[in-house]
């Protein structure tokens, strides 16, 4: 019986990558004399933004994070105005069927708070877990959500776009619906890891969840 749907944020709920990369480049321009490519920035992904910046500019990470968040706040509406189309209706479906919604992300609490406010996510998500500068531990966060709700792993599913989301879900004993609708989705890697379902569109996800919630 499906009682909780857990979501990733970046690349799953919204296409935040252009905003994140521009914010990183603004932060790096303020804290380093050299230019960093997008590939160099993306190679640090995993920890929260402070951890990424520490890998790039060391002790100036705290200073860089302030610039990052200022840019993120100022340009959010322009670069990432809304969730992917159809997802608010998916959230409504899950809640209407009596299941809980949780948000588990590797990004910082500060930047996620800006996403939550911009998209009005607080009206849907009951539990939110954010990232750490030292690196993510999504399996632990998934288990913590289960504990808070008094659920077993078989009663929840995770929706995420990254290969790590598949391995993390399996480590926590959850089913995984791989989200492959973002422009930068890593389709080949996602397929190679054999998620429970590969959802190429939000419509695919809605169908999967509708079926699972009906069976529940």
N, C-alpha and C. Protein backbone atom coordinates (compact mmCIF):
# COMPACT_ATOMS: atom_id res chain seq x y z
N UNK A 1 0.84 -1.20 0.00
CA UNK A 1 0.00 0.00 0.00
C UNK A 1 0.88 1.25 0.00
N UNK A 2 0.69 2.11 -0.96
CA UNK A 2 1.49 3.33 -1.08
C UNK A 2 0.94 4.42 -0.17
N UNK A 3 1.77 4.84 0.79
CA UNK A 3 1.34 5.85 1.74
C UNK A 3 2.18 7.12 1.72
N UNK A 4 3.28 7.10 0.99
CA UNK A 4 4.14 8.30 0.93
C UNK A 4 4.88 8.33 -0.41
N UNK A 5 4.90 9.51 -1.01
CA UNK A 5 5.69 9.74 -2.22
C UNK A 5 6.74 10.79 -1.88
N UNK A 6 8.00 10.43 -2.05
CA UNK A 6 9.11 11.34 -1.77
C UNK A 6 9.68 11.86 -3.09
N UNK A 7 9.96 13.15 -3.13
CA UNK A 7 10.46 13.78 -4.34
C UNK A 7 11.84 14.40 -4.12
N UNK A 8 12.66 14.32 -5.16
CA UNK A 8 13.86 15.13 -5.28
C UNK A 8 13.42 16.52 -5.74
N UNK A 9 14.33 17.50 -5.70
CA UNK A 9 13.98 18.87 -6.11
C UNK A 9 14.56 19.20 -7.49
N UNK A 10 15.86 19.44 -7.57
CA UNK A 10 16.48 19.93 -8.80
C UNK A 10 16.37 18.90 -9.92
N UNK A 11 15.81 19.32 -11.05
CA UNK A 11 15.67 18.43 -12.19
C UNK A 11 14.50 17.49 -12.10
N UNK A 12 13.80 17.50 -10.97
CA UNK A 12 12.63 16.65 -10.78
C UNK A 12 11.37 17.49 -10.64
N UNK A 13 11.37 18.40 -9.68
CA UNK A 13 10.23 19.30 -9.51
C UNK A 13 10.34 20.51 -10.44
N UNK A 14 11.55 20.99 -10.66
CA UNK A 14 11.74 22.15 -11.53
C UNK A 14 13.11 22.10 -12.19
N UNK A 15 13.22 22.78 -13.33
CA UNK A 15 14.49 22.86 -14.04
C UNK A 15 15.31 24.01 -13.46
N UNK A 16 15.91 23.75 -12.31
CA UNK A 16 16.67 24.78 -11.60
C UNK A 16 18.11 24.90 -12.08
N UNK A 17 18.54 24.00 -12.97
CA UNK A 17 19.96 23.98 -13.32
C UNK A 17 20.48 25.31 -13.88
N UNK A 18 19.79 25.97 -14.81
CA UNK A 18 20.30 27.26 -15.29
C UNK A 18 20.48 28.28 -14.16
N UNK A 19 19.53 28.32 -13.24
CA UNK A 19 19.63 29.23 -12.10
C UNK A 19 20.80 28.85 -11.20
N UNK A 20 20.93 27.58 -10.90
CA UNK A 20 22.02 27.13 -10.01
C UNK A 20 23.39 27.44 -10.63
N UNK A 21 23.55 27.12 -11.90
CA UNK A 21 24.85 27.34 -12.54
C UNK A 21 25.20 28.82 -12.61
N UNK A 22 24.22 29.66 -12.94
CA UNK A 22 24.48 31.11 -12.98
C UNK A 22 24.82 31.64 -11.60
N UNK A 23 24.14 31.12 -10.58
CA UNK A 23 24.41 31.56 -9.21
C UNK A 23 25.81 31.12 -8.78
N UNK A 24 26.21 29.91 -9.15
CA UNK A 24 27.57 29.46 -8.86
C UNK A 24 28.60 30.34 -9.55
N UNK A 25 28.36 30.67 -10.81
CA UNK A 25 29.33 31.48 -11.53
C UNK A 25 29.43 32.89 -10.94
N UNK A 26 28.32 33.43 -10.46
CA UNK A 26 28.37 34.73 -9.78
C UNK A 26 29.18 34.62 -8.49
N UNK A 27 28.96 33.54 -7.74
CA UNK A 27 29.69 33.33 -6.48
C UNK A 27 31.18 33.14 -6.73
N UNK A 28 31.52 32.41 -7.77
CA UNK A 28 32.93 32.15 -8.07
C UNK A 28 33.63 33.40 -8.60
N UNK A 29 32.90 34.21 -9.36
CA UNK A 29 33.49 35.45 -9.86
C UNK A 29 33.85 36.39 -8.71
N UNK A 30 33.09 36.29 -7.61
CA UNK A 30 33.33 37.16 -6.45
C UNK A 30 34.41 36.62 -5.52
N UNK A 31 34.79 35.34 -5.68
CA UNK A 31 35.70 34.73 -4.71
C UNK A 31 36.95 34.12 -5.33
N UNK A 32 37.09 34.20 -6.65
CA UNK A 32 38.25 33.58 -7.30
C UNK A 32 38.71 34.43 -8.48
N UNK A 33 40.00 34.38 -8.76
CA UNK A 33 40.55 35.11 -9.89
C UNK A 33 40.45 34.34 -11.20
N UNK A 34 40.11 33.08 -11.13
CA UNK A 34 40.02 32.27 -12.35
C UNK A 34 38.57 32.00 -12.70
N UNK A 35 38.36 31.63 -13.95
CA UNK A 35 37.03 31.27 -14.42
C UNK A 35 36.85 29.76 -14.34
N UNK A 36 35.64 29.36 -13.99
CA UNK A 36 35.32 27.93 -13.90
C UNK A 36 34.29 27.59 -14.98
N UNK A 37 34.49 26.46 -15.62
CA UNK A 37 33.52 26.01 -16.62
C UNK A 37 32.31 25.39 -15.92
N UNK A 38 31.22 25.27 -16.65
CA UNK A 38 30.05 24.61 -16.10
C UNK A 38 30.36 23.15 -15.75
N UNK A 39 31.20 22.52 -16.54
CA UNK A 39 31.57 21.13 -16.26
C UNK A 39 32.33 21.02 -14.95
N UNK A 40 33.22 21.97 -14.68
CA UNK A 40 33.97 21.96 -13.42
C UNK A 40 33.03 22.15 -12.23
N UNK A 41 32.04 23.02 -12.39
CA UNK A 41 31.08 23.25 -11.32
C UNK A 41 30.24 22.00 -11.09
N UNK A 42 29.72 21.43 -12.16
CA UNK A 42 28.85 20.26 -12.04
C UNK A 42 29.59 19.05 -11.48
N UNK A 43 30.90 19.00 -11.68
CA UNK A 43 31.69 17.89 -11.15
C UNK A 43 31.72 17.87 -9.63
N UNK A 44 31.39 19.00 -8.99
CA UNK A 44 31.37 19.06 -7.52
C UNK A 44 30.00 18.72 -6.94
N UNK A 45 28.98 18.55 -7.79
CA UNK A 45 27.62 18.31 -7.30
C UNK A 45 27.56 17.08 -6.41
N UNK A 46 26.68 17.15 -5.44
CA UNK A 46 26.50 16.08 -4.45
C UNK A 46 26.28 16.70 -3.09
N UNK A 47 27.30 17.37 -2.55
CA UNK A 47 27.11 18.14 -1.31
C UNK A 47 26.18 19.34 -1.56
N UNK A 48 25.77 20.00 -0.49
CA UNK A 48 25.02 21.24 -0.65
C UNK A 48 25.93 22.30 -1.28
N UNK A 49 25.37 23.45 -1.59
CA UNK A 49 26.12 24.49 -2.30
C UNK A 49 27.39 24.90 -1.56
N UNK A 50 27.34 24.96 -0.25
CA UNK A 50 28.54 25.33 0.51
C UNK A 50 29.65 24.31 0.29
N UNK A 51 29.29 23.03 0.25
CA UNK A 51 30.28 21.99 0.00
C UNK A 51 30.87 22.09 -1.40
N UNK A 52 30.01 22.40 -2.38
CA UNK A 52 30.50 22.57 -3.75
C UNK A 52 31.48 23.75 -3.82
N UNK A 53 31.11 24.85 -3.20
CA UNK A 53 31.97 26.03 -3.22
C UNK A 53 33.28 25.79 -2.47
N UNK A 54 33.22 25.02 -1.40
CA UNK A 54 34.45 24.71 -0.66
C UNK A 54 35.42 23.93 -1.54
N UNK A 55 34.87 23.04 -2.37
CA UNK A 55 35.72 22.27 -3.27
C UNK A 55 36.36 23.16 -4.33
N UNK A 56 35.71 24.28 -4.63
CA UNK A 56 36.20 25.15 -5.70
C UNK A 56 37.04 26.32 -5.20
N UNK A 57 36.65 26.91 -4.05
CA UNK A 57 37.35 28.11 -3.58
C UNK A 57 37.81 28.01 -2.13
N UNK A 58 37.74 26.83 -1.56
CA UNK A 58 38.28 26.61 -0.22
C UNK A 58 37.66 27.48 0.86
N UNK A 59 38.50 28.20 1.58
CA UNK A 59 38.04 28.96 2.74
C UNK A 59 37.11 30.12 2.39
N UNK A 60 37.00 30.46 1.15
CA UNK A 60 36.11 31.56 0.74
C UNK A 60 34.70 31.06 0.43
N UNK A 61 34.42 29.80 0.76
CA UNK A 61 33.12 29.22 0.46
C UNK A 61 31.97 29.96 1.14
N UNK A 62 32.17 30.37 2.39
CA UNK A 62 31.12 31.09 3.10
C UNK A 62 30.77 32.40 2.42
N UNK A 63 31.79 33.11 2.00
CA UNK A 63 31.59 34.36 1.26
C UNK A 63 30.86 34.08 -0.06
N UNK A 64 31.29 33.03 -0.73
CA UNK A 64 30.67 32.68 -2.00
C UNK A 64 29.21 32.28 -1.84
N UNK A 65 28.89 31.61 -0.73
CA UNK A 65 27.51 31.18 -0.51
C UNK A 65 26.58 32.38 -0.38
N UNK A 66 27.05 33.44 0.27
CA UNK A 66 26.22 34.64 0.39
C UNK A 66 25.90 35.21 -0.98
N UNK A 67 26.90 35.28 -1.86
CA UNK A 67 26.67 35.79 -3.22
C UNK A 67 25.74 34.85 -3.97
N UNK A 68 25.96 33.55 -3.82
CA UNK A 68 25.11 32.55 -4.48
C UNK A 68 23.64 32.77 -4.11
N UNK A 69 23.37 32.88 -2.83
CA UNK A 69 21.98 33.01 -2.38
C UNK A 69 21.37 34.33 -2.81
N UNK A 70 22.16 35.39 -2.82
CA UNK A 70 21.66 36.69 -3.29
C UNK A 70 21.26 36.60 -4.76
N UNK A 71 22.11 35.98 -5.57
CA UNK A 71 21.81 35.83 -6.99
C UNK A 71 20.59 34.92 -7.18
N UNK A 72 20.56 33.82 -6.45
CA UNK A 72 19.48 32.84 -6.55
C UNK A 72 18.14 33.51 -6.26
N UNK A 73 18.10 34.32 -5.22
CA UNK A 73 16.87 35.03 -4.85
C UNK A 73 16.48 36.06 -5.92
N UNK A 74 17.45 36.82 -6.39
CA UNK A 74 17.16 37.92 -7.31
C UNK A 74 16.71 37.43 -8.68
N UNK A 75 17.19 36.26 -9.12
CA UNK A 75 16.93 35.82 -10.48
C UNK A 75 16.02 34.60 -10.58
N UNK A 76 15.44 34.18 -9.46
CA UNK A 76 14.62 32.98 -9.44
C UNK A 76 13.44 33.10 -10.41
N UNK A 77 12.71 34.18 -10.33
CA UNK A 77 11.52 34.32 -11.16
C UNK A 77 11.87 34.35 -12.65
N UNK A 78 13.01 34.91 -12.98
CA UNK A 78 13.41 35.01 -14.40
C UNK A 78 13.90 33.67 -14.95
N UNK A 79 14.71 32.96 -14.18
CA UNK A 79 15.35 31.75 -14.68
C UNK A 79 14.61 30.46 -14.35
N UNK A 80 13.78 30.50 -13.32
CA UNK A 80 13.05 29.28 -12.93
C UNK A 80 11.70 29.68 -12.35
N UNK A 81 10.77 30.09 -13.20
CA UNK A 81 9.52 30.68 -12.70
C UNK A 81 8.50 29.71 -12.14
N UNK A 82 8.60 28.42 -12.47
CA UNK A 82 7.54 27.49 -12.06
C UNK A 82 8.04 26.06 -12.06
N UNK A 83 7.34 25.17 -11.38
CA UNK A 83 7.66 23.73 -11.48
C UNK A 83 7.38 23.25 -12.91
N UNK A 84 7.83 22.04 -13.21
CA UNK A 84 7.50 21.44 -14.50
C UNK A 84 5.97 21.35 -14.63
N UNK A 85 5.43 21.65 -15.80
CA UNK A 85 3.98 21.59 -15.98
C UNK A 85 3.42 20.22 -15.62
N UNK A 86 2.30 20.24 -14.91
CA UNK A 86 1.64 19.01 -14.52
C UNK A 86 1.98 18.52 -13.13
N UNK A 87 3.09 18.98 -12.56
CA UNK A 87 3.47 18.48 -11.24
C UNK A 87 2.54 18.96 -10.13
N UNK A 88 2.08 20.21 -10.14
CA UNK A 88 1.12 20.59 -9.09
C UNK A 88 -0.11 19.67 -9.06
N UNK A 89 -0.56 19.26 -10.24
CA UNK A 89 -1.70 18.34 -10.30
C UNK A 89 -1.33 16.96 -9.74
N UNK A 90 -0.08 16.55 -9.95
CA UNK A 90 0.38 15.28 -9.37
C UNK A 90 0.40 15.39 -7.85
N UNK A 91 0.88 16.51 -7.33
CA UNK A 91 0.88 16.69 -5.88
C UNK A 91 -0.55 16.66 -5.32
N UNK A 92 -1.46 17.31 -6.03
CA UNK A 92 -2.86 17.30 -5.60
C UNK A 92 -3.42 15.87 -5.59
N UNK A 93 -3.05 15.09 -6.60
CA UNK A 93 -3.52 13.71 -6.70
C UNK A 93 -3.04 12.90 -5.50
N UNK A 94 -1.76 13.01 -5.19
CA UNK A 94 -1.19 12.24 -4.08
C UNK A 94 -1.88 12.59 -2.77
N UNK A 95 -2.04 13.86 -2.51
CA UNK A 95 -2.67 14.28 -1.25
C UNK A 95 -4.15 13.91 -1.22
N UNK A 96 -4.83 14.01 -2.37
CA UNK A 96 -6.25 13.67 -2.42
C UNK A 96 -6.48 12.19 -2.14
N UNK A 97 -5.50 11.37 -2.51
CA UNK A 97 -5.62 9.92 -2.25
C UNK A 97 -5.16 9.55 -0.85
N UNK A 98 -4.82 10.56 -0.02
CA UNK A 98 -4.50 10.31 1.37
C UNK A 98 -3.05 9.96 1.65
N UNK A 99 -2.17 10.06 0.66
CA UNK A 99 -0.75 9.75 0.87
C UNK A 99 0.01 11.03 1.25
N UNK A 100 1.11 10.84 1.95
CA UNK A 100 1.95 11.97 2.36
C UNK A 100 2.93 12.31 1.25
N UNK A 101 3.41 13.56 1.25
CA UNK A 101 4.45 14.02 0.34
C UNK A 101 5.65 14.48 1.15
N UNK A 102 6.83 14.02 0.75
CA UNK A 102 8.06 14.45 1.40
C UNK A 102 9.04 14.91 0.33
N UNK A 103 9.87 15.86 0.69
CA UNK A 103 10.87 16.42 -0.24
C UNK A 103 12.25 16.15 0.34
N UNK A 104 13.07 15.42 -0.43
CA UNK A 104 14.43 15.08 0.01
C UNK A 104 15.40 15.53 -1.06
N UNK A 105 16.28 16.46 -0.71
CA UNK A 105 17.18 17.05 -1.68
C UNK A 105 18.58 17.20 -1.10
N UNK A 106 19.57 17.27 -1.98
CA UNK A 106 20.94 17.50 -1.54
C UNK A 106 21.29 18.97 -1.41
N UNK A 107 20.38 19.87 -1.81
CA UNK A 107 20.71 21.29 -1.77
C UNK A 107 20.53 21.85 -0.37
N UNK A 108 21.01 23.05 -0.15
CA UNK A 108 20.99 23.64 1.18
C UNK A 108 19.58 24.06 1.59
N UNK A 109 19.36 24.17 2.89
CA UNK A 109 18.07 24.63 3.41
C UNK A 109 17.77 26.04 2.92
N UNK A 110 18.81 26.88 2.81
CA UNK A 110 18.59 28.28 2.43
C UNK A 110 18.11 28.40 0.99
N UNK A 111 18.73 27.69 0.06
CA UNK A 111 18.29 27.78 -1.34
C UNK A 111 16.97 27.05 -1.54
N UNK A 112 16.78 25.93 -0.86
CA UNK A 112 15.50 25.22 -0.99
C UNK A 112 14.35 26.08 -0.48
N UNK A 113 14.58 26.85 0.59
CA UNK A 113 13.52 27.71 1.10
C UNK A 113 13.05 28.70 0.04
N UNK A 114 13.97 29.14 -0.81
CA UNK A 114 13.60 30.06 -1.89
C UNK A 114 12.75 29.34 -2.94
N UNK A 115 13.08 28.08 -3.24
CA UNK A 115 12.26 27.29 -4.16
C UNK A 115 10.86 27.05 -3.58
N UNK A 116 10.83 26.66 -2.33
CA UNK A 116 9.55 26.36 -1.67
C UNK A 116 8.64 27.58 -1.69
N UNK A 117 9.20 28.73 -1.37
CA UNK A 117 8.41 29.96 -1.37
C UNK A 117 7.96 30.34 -2.78
N UNK A 118 8.86 30.21 -3.76
CA UNK A 118 8.54 30.59 -5.14
C UNK A 118 7.44 29.72 -5.74
N UNK A 119 7.44 28.44 -5.38
CA UNK A 119 6.49 27.50 -5.98
C UNK A 119 5.31 27.17 -5.08
N UNK A 120 5.29 27.68 -3.86
CA UNK A 120 4.19 27.38 -2.94
C UNK A 120 4.17 25.92 -2.50
N UNK A 121 5.35 25.30 -2.42
CA UNK A 121 5.41 23.87 -2.11
C UNK A 121 4.98 23.52 -0.70
N UNK A 122 4.98 24.52 0.19
CA UNK A 122 4.65 24.23 1.58
C UNK A 122 3.22 23.71 1.74
N UNK A 123 2.35 23.99 0.78
CA UNK A 123 0.96 23.53 0.92
C UNK A 123 0.80 22.05 0.59
N UNK A 124 1.84 21.46 -0.01
CA UNK A 124 1.77 20.03 -0.35
C UNK A 124 2.69 19.16 0.49
N UNK A 125 3.89 19.64 0.78
CA UNK A 125 4.91 18.77 1.38
C UNK A 125 4.90 18.85 2.90
N UNK A 126 4.73 17.69 3.52
CA UNK A 126 4.65 17.61 4.97
C UNK A 126 6.03 17.57 5.62
N UNK A 127 6.98 16.93 4.95
CA UNK A 127 8.31 16.74 5.51
C UNK A 127 9.35 17.15 4.47
N UNK A 128 10.38 17.87 4.91
CA UNK A 128 11.45 18.30 4.02
C UNK A 128 12.80 17.98 4.65
N UNK A 129 13.68 17.35 3.87
CA UNK A 129 15.04 17.05 4.30
C UNK A 129 16.01 17.67 3.29
N UNK A 130 16.99 18.40 3.81
CA UNK A 130 17.93 19.10 2.93
C UNK A 130 19.34 18.51 3.03
N UNK A 131 20.24 19.04 2.19
CA UNK A 131 21.57 18.48 2.08
C UNK A 131 22.54 18.97 3.13
N UNK A 132 23.80 18.52 2.98
CA UNK A 132 24.85 18.81 3.95
C UNK A 132 26.10 19.22 3.19
N UNK A 133 26.90 20.12 3.74
CA UNK A 133 28.15 20.52 3.06
C UNK A 133 29.11 19.35 2.85
N UNK A 134 29.08 18.39 3.76
CA UNK A 134 30.01 17.26 3.66
C UNK A 134 29.54 16.20 2.66
N UNK A 135 28.33 16.32 2.17
CA UNK A 135 27.83 15.38 1.18
C UNK A 135 26.48 14.81 1.56
N UNK A 136 25.75 14.28 0.58
CA UNK A 136 24.39 13.79 0.83
C UNK A 136 24.36 12.43 1.49
N UNK A 137 23.27 12.16 2.17
CA UNK A 137 22.99 10.82 2.68
C UNK A 137 21.49 10.59 2.52
N UNK A 138 21.08 10.46 1.27
CA UNK A 138 19.65 10.32 1.01
C UNK A 138 19.04 9.05 1.61
N UNK A 139 19.76 7.92 1.64
CA UNK A 139 19.15 6.76 2.29
C UNK A 139 18.78 7.04 3.75
N UNK A 140 19.66 7.74 4.48
CA UNK A 140 19.35 8.08 5.87
C UNK A 140 18.16 9.03 5.95
N UNK A 141 18.09 9.98 5.02
CA UNK A 141 16.96 10.90 5.02
C UNK A 141 15.65 10.18 4.69
N UNK A 142 15.72 9.23 3.77
CA UNK A 142 14.52 8.45 3.43
C UNK A 142 14.04 7.64 4.63
N UNK A 143 15.00 7.02 5.31
CA UNK A 143 14.62 6.24 6.50
C UNK A 143 14.06 7.14 7.59
N UNK A 144 14.60 8.35 7.71
CA UNK A 144 14.10 9.29 8.71
C UNK A 144 12.65 9.68 8.41
N UNK A 145 12.34 9.89 7.13
CA UNK A 145 10.96 10.20 6.75
C UNK A 145 10.04 9.04 7.10
N UNK A 146 10.47 7.83 6.79
CA UNK A 146 9.66 6.66 7.12
C UNK A 146 9.40 6.58 8.63
N UNK A 147 10.44 6.84 9.42
CA UNK A 147 10.30 6.80 10.87
C UNK A 147 9.31 7.85 11.35
N UNK A 148 9.41 9.06 10.80
CA UNK A 148 8.51 10.14 11.22
C UNK A 148 7.06 9.82 10.91
N UNK A 149 6.83 9.10 9.81
CA UNK A 149 5.46 8.78 9.40
C UNK A 149 5.00 7.41 9.91
N UNK A 150 5.91 6.66 10.52
CA UNK A 150 5.57 5.34 11.00
C UNK A 150 5.29 4.35 9.89
N UNK A 151 6.09 4.44 8.79
CA UNK A 151 5.85 3.60 7.63
C UNK A 151 7.00 2.61 7.41
N UNK A 152 6.71 1.60 6.62
CA UNK A 152 7.71 0.64 6.17
C UNK A 152 8.20 1.04 4.78
N UNK A 153 9.41 0.62 4.38
CA UNK A 153 9.93 0.99 3.06
C UNK A 153 9.00 0.64 1.90
N UNK A 154 8.29 -0.47 2.01
CA UNK A 154 7.39 -0.89 0.94
C UNK A 154 6.17 -0.01 0.79
N UNK A 155 5.99 0.93 1.72
CA UNK A 155 4.83 1.82 1.66
C UNK A 155 5.18 3.19 1.07
N UNK A 156 6.38 3.31 0.53
CA UNK A 156 6.82 4.61 -0.01
C UNK A 156 7.55 4.41 -1.34
N UNK A 157 7.62 5.50 -2.10
CA UNK A 157 8.34 5.51 -3.36
C UNK A 157 9.09 6.83 -3.47
N UNK A 158 10.23 6.82 -4.15
CA UNK A 158 11.00 8.05 -4.37
C UNK A 158 10.97 8.40 -5.84
N UNK A 159 10.88 9.69 -6.13
CA UNK A 159 10.89 10.20 -7.50
C UNK A 159 12.11 11.11 -7.63
N UNK A 160 13.08 10.72 -8.45
CA UNK A 160 14.28 11.52 -8.61
C UNK A 160 14.89 11.35 -9.97
N UNK A 161 15.70 12.33 -10.38
CA UNK A 161 16.23 12.35 -11.74
C UNK A 161 17.67 11.88 -11.88
N UNK A 162 18.38 11.68 -10.78
CA UNK A 162 19.81 11.37 -10.85
C UNK A 162 20.07 9.88 -10.64
N UNK A 163 21.13 9.34 -11.25
CA UNK A 163 21.49 7.95 -10.99
C UNK A 163 21.63 7.66 -9.50
N UNK A 164 22.17 8.63 -8.73
CA UNK A 164 22.32 8.43 -7.30
C UNK A 164 20.98 8.26 -6.60
N UNK A 165 19.92 8.84 -7.16
CA UNK A 165 18.60 8.67 -6.56
C UNK A 165 18.15 7.22 -6.64
N UNK A 166 18.54 6.54 -7.71
CA UNK A 166 18.18 5.13 -7.84
C UNK A 166 18.93 4.29 -6.82
N UNK A 167 20.24 4.50 -6.71
CA UNK A 167 21.02 3.70 -5.76
C UNK A 167 20.64 4.04 -4.32
N UNK A 168 20.33 5.30 -4.05
CA UNK A 168 19.94 5.69 -2.69
C UNK A 168 18.61 5.06 -2.30
N UNK A 169 17.66 5.07 -3.23
CA UNK A 169 16.35 4.48 -2.95
C UNK A 169 16.48 2.99 -2.65
N UNK A 170 17.29 2.32 -3.43
CA UNK A 170 17.47 0.88 -3.20
C UNK A 170 18.15 0.62 -1.86
N UNK A 171 19.09 1.48 -1.49
CA UNK A 171 19.75 1.31 -0.20
C UNK A 171 18.78 1.47 0.96
N UNK A 172 17.75 2.29 0.75
CA UNK A 172 16.75 2.51 1.80
C UNK A 172 15.57 1.55 1.69
N UNK A 173 15.56 0.72 0.65
CA UNK A 173 14.49 -0.25 0.47
C UNK A 173 13.25 0.30 -0.21
N UNK A 174 13.37 1.46 -0.86
CA UNK A 174 12.23 2.08 -1.52
C UNK A 174 12.19 1.73 -3.00
N UNK A 175 11.00 1.75 -3.56
CA UNK A 175 10.85 1.71 -5.01
C UNK A 175 11.28 3.07 -5.56
N UNK A 176 11.72 3.08 -6.83
CA UNK A 176 12.21 4.32 -7.43
C UNK A 176 11.55 4.54 -8.79
N UNK A 177 10.98 5.72 -8.95
CA UNK A 177 10.46 6.17 -10.24
C UNK A 177 11.45 7.20 -10.76
N UNK A 178 12.19 6.87 -11.81
CA UNK A 178 13.21 7.76 -12.33
C UNK A 178 12.57 8.85 -13.17
N UNK A 179 12.84 10.09 -12.81
CA UNK A 179 12.28 11.25 -13.51
C UNK A 179 13.22 11.65 -14.64
N UNK A 180 12.75 11.53 -15.88
CA UNK A 180 13.62 11.79 -17.03
C UNK A 180 13.03 12.86 -17.94
N UNK A 181 12.32 13.82 -17.36
CA UNK A 181 11.68 14.85 -18.18
C UNK A 181 12.46 16.16 -18.24
N UNK A 182 13.50 16.31 -17.45
CA UNK A 182 14.30 17.55 -17.48
C UNK A 182 15.18 17.58 -18.73
N UNK A 183 15.52 18.76 -19.22
CA UNK A 183 16.36 18.86 -20.42
C UNK A 183 17.69 18.12 -20.28
N UNK A 184 18.27 18.10 -19.09
CA UNK A 184 19.56 17.46 -18.90
C UNK A 184 19.50 16.05 -18.36
N UNK A 185 18.37 15.38 -18.49
CA UNK A 185 18.23 14.03 -17.94
C UNK A 185 19.25 13.07 -18.54
N UNK A 186 19.85 12.24 -17.66
CA UNK A 186 20.88 11.28 -18.06
C UNK A 186 20.21 9.95 -18.40
N UNK A 187 19.55 9.90 -19.55
CA UNK A 187 18.71 8.76 -19.90
C UNK A 187 19.46 7.44 -19.91
N UNK A 188 20.63 7.41 -20.53
CA UNK A 188 21.36 6.16 -20.65
C UNK A 188 21.75 5.61 -19.27
N UNK A 189 22.22 6.50 -18.40
CA UNK A 189 22.61 6.06 -17.05
C UNK A 189 21.39 5.60 -16.27
N UNK A 190 20.29 6.33 -16.38
CA UNK A 190 19.08 5.94 -15.67
C UNK A 190 18.59 4.57 -16.13
N UNK A 191 18.57 4.36 -17.43
CA UNK A 191 18.13 3.06 -17.96
C UNK A 191 19.05 1.94 -17.50
N UNK A 192 20.37 2.20 -17.47
CA UNK A 192 21.32 1.15 -17.11
C UNK A 192 21.15 0.68 -15.67
N UNK A 193 20.61 1.54 -14.82
CA UNK A 193 20.41 1.19 -13.41
C UNK A 193 19.06 0.53 -13.14
N UNK A 194 18.24 0.43 -14.17
CA UNK A 194 16.98 -0.31 -14.12
C UNK A 194 16.08 0.13 -12.95
N UNK A 195 15.61 1.37 -12.98
CA UNK A 195 14.66 1.81 -11.95
C UNK A 195 13.36 1.01 -12.06
N UNK A 196 12.52 1.08 -11.05
CA UNK A 196 11.25 0.37 -11.12
C UNK A 196 10.41 0.86 -12.30
N UNK A 197 10.44 2.16 -12.54
CA UNK A 197 9.82 2.74 -13.74
C UNK A 197 10.66 3.92 -14.20
N UNK A 198 10.81 4.06 -15.49
CA UNK A 198 11.47 5.23 -16.07
C UNK A 198 10.36 6.10 -16.65
N UNK A 199 10.19 7.28 -16.07
CA UNK A 199 9.12 8.19 -16.49
C UNK A 199 9.72 9.27 -17.38
N UNK A 200 9.41 9.23 -18.66
CA UNK A 200 9.96 10.20 -19.60
C UNK A 200 9.23 11.53 -19.54
N UNK A 201 8.01 11.52 -19.03
CA UNK A 201 7.21 12.75 -18.92
C UNK A 201 6.51 12.78 -17.57
N UNK A 202 6.04 13.96 -17.20
CA UNK A 202 5.25 14.08 -15.97
C UNK A 202 3.95 13.29 -16.12
N UNK A 203 3.43 13.21 -17.33
CA UNK A 203 2.22 12.41 -17.57
C UNK A 203 2.47 10.94 -17.25
N UNK A 204 3.66 10.44 -17.61
CA UNK A 204 4.03 9.06 -17.25
C UNK A 204 4.01 8.88 -15.73
N UNK A 205 4.59 9.84 -15.02
CA UNK A 205 4.62 9.78 -13.56
C UNK A 205 3.21 9.77 -12.99
N UNK A 206 2.37 10.66 -13.50
CA UNK A 206 1.00 10.73 -13.00
C UNK A 206 0.29 9.39 -13.18
N UNK A 207 0.51 8.74 -14.32
CA UNK A 207 -0.11 7.45 -14.55
C UNK A 207 0.39 6.39 -13.59
N UNK A 208 1.70 6.38 -13.34
CA UNK A 208 2.28 5.41 -12.40
C UNK A 208 1.69 5.59 -11.01
N UNK A 209 1.65 6.85 -10.55
CA UNK A 209 1.17 7.12 -9.19
C UNK A 209 -0.34 6.87 -9.09
N UNK A 210 -1.08 7.22 -10.12
CA UNK A 210 -2.52 6.99 -10.09
C UNK A 210 -2.81 5.50 -9.95
N UNK A 211 -2.05 4.69 -10.71
CA UNK A 211 -2.21 3.24 -10.63
C UNK A 211 -1.85 2.73 -9.24
N UNK A 212 -0.71 3.18 -8.70
CA UNK A 212 -0.25 2.70 -7.40
C UNK A 212 -1.19 3.13 -6.28
N UNK A 213 -1.70 4.34 -6.37
CA UNK A 213 -2.60 4.85 -5.33
C UNK A 213 -3.97 4.20 -5.41
N UNK A 214 -4.38 3.81 -6.62
CA UNK A 214 -5.65 3.12 -6.80
C UNK A 214 -5.57 1.73 -6.20
N UNK A 215 -4.43 1.06 -6.45
CA UNK A 215 -4.23 -0.27 -5.88
C UNK A 215 -4.17 -0.23 -4.37
N UNK A 216 -3.71 0.92 -3.83
CA UNK A 216 -3.63 1.04 -2.38
C UNK A 216 -5.01 1.11 -1.76
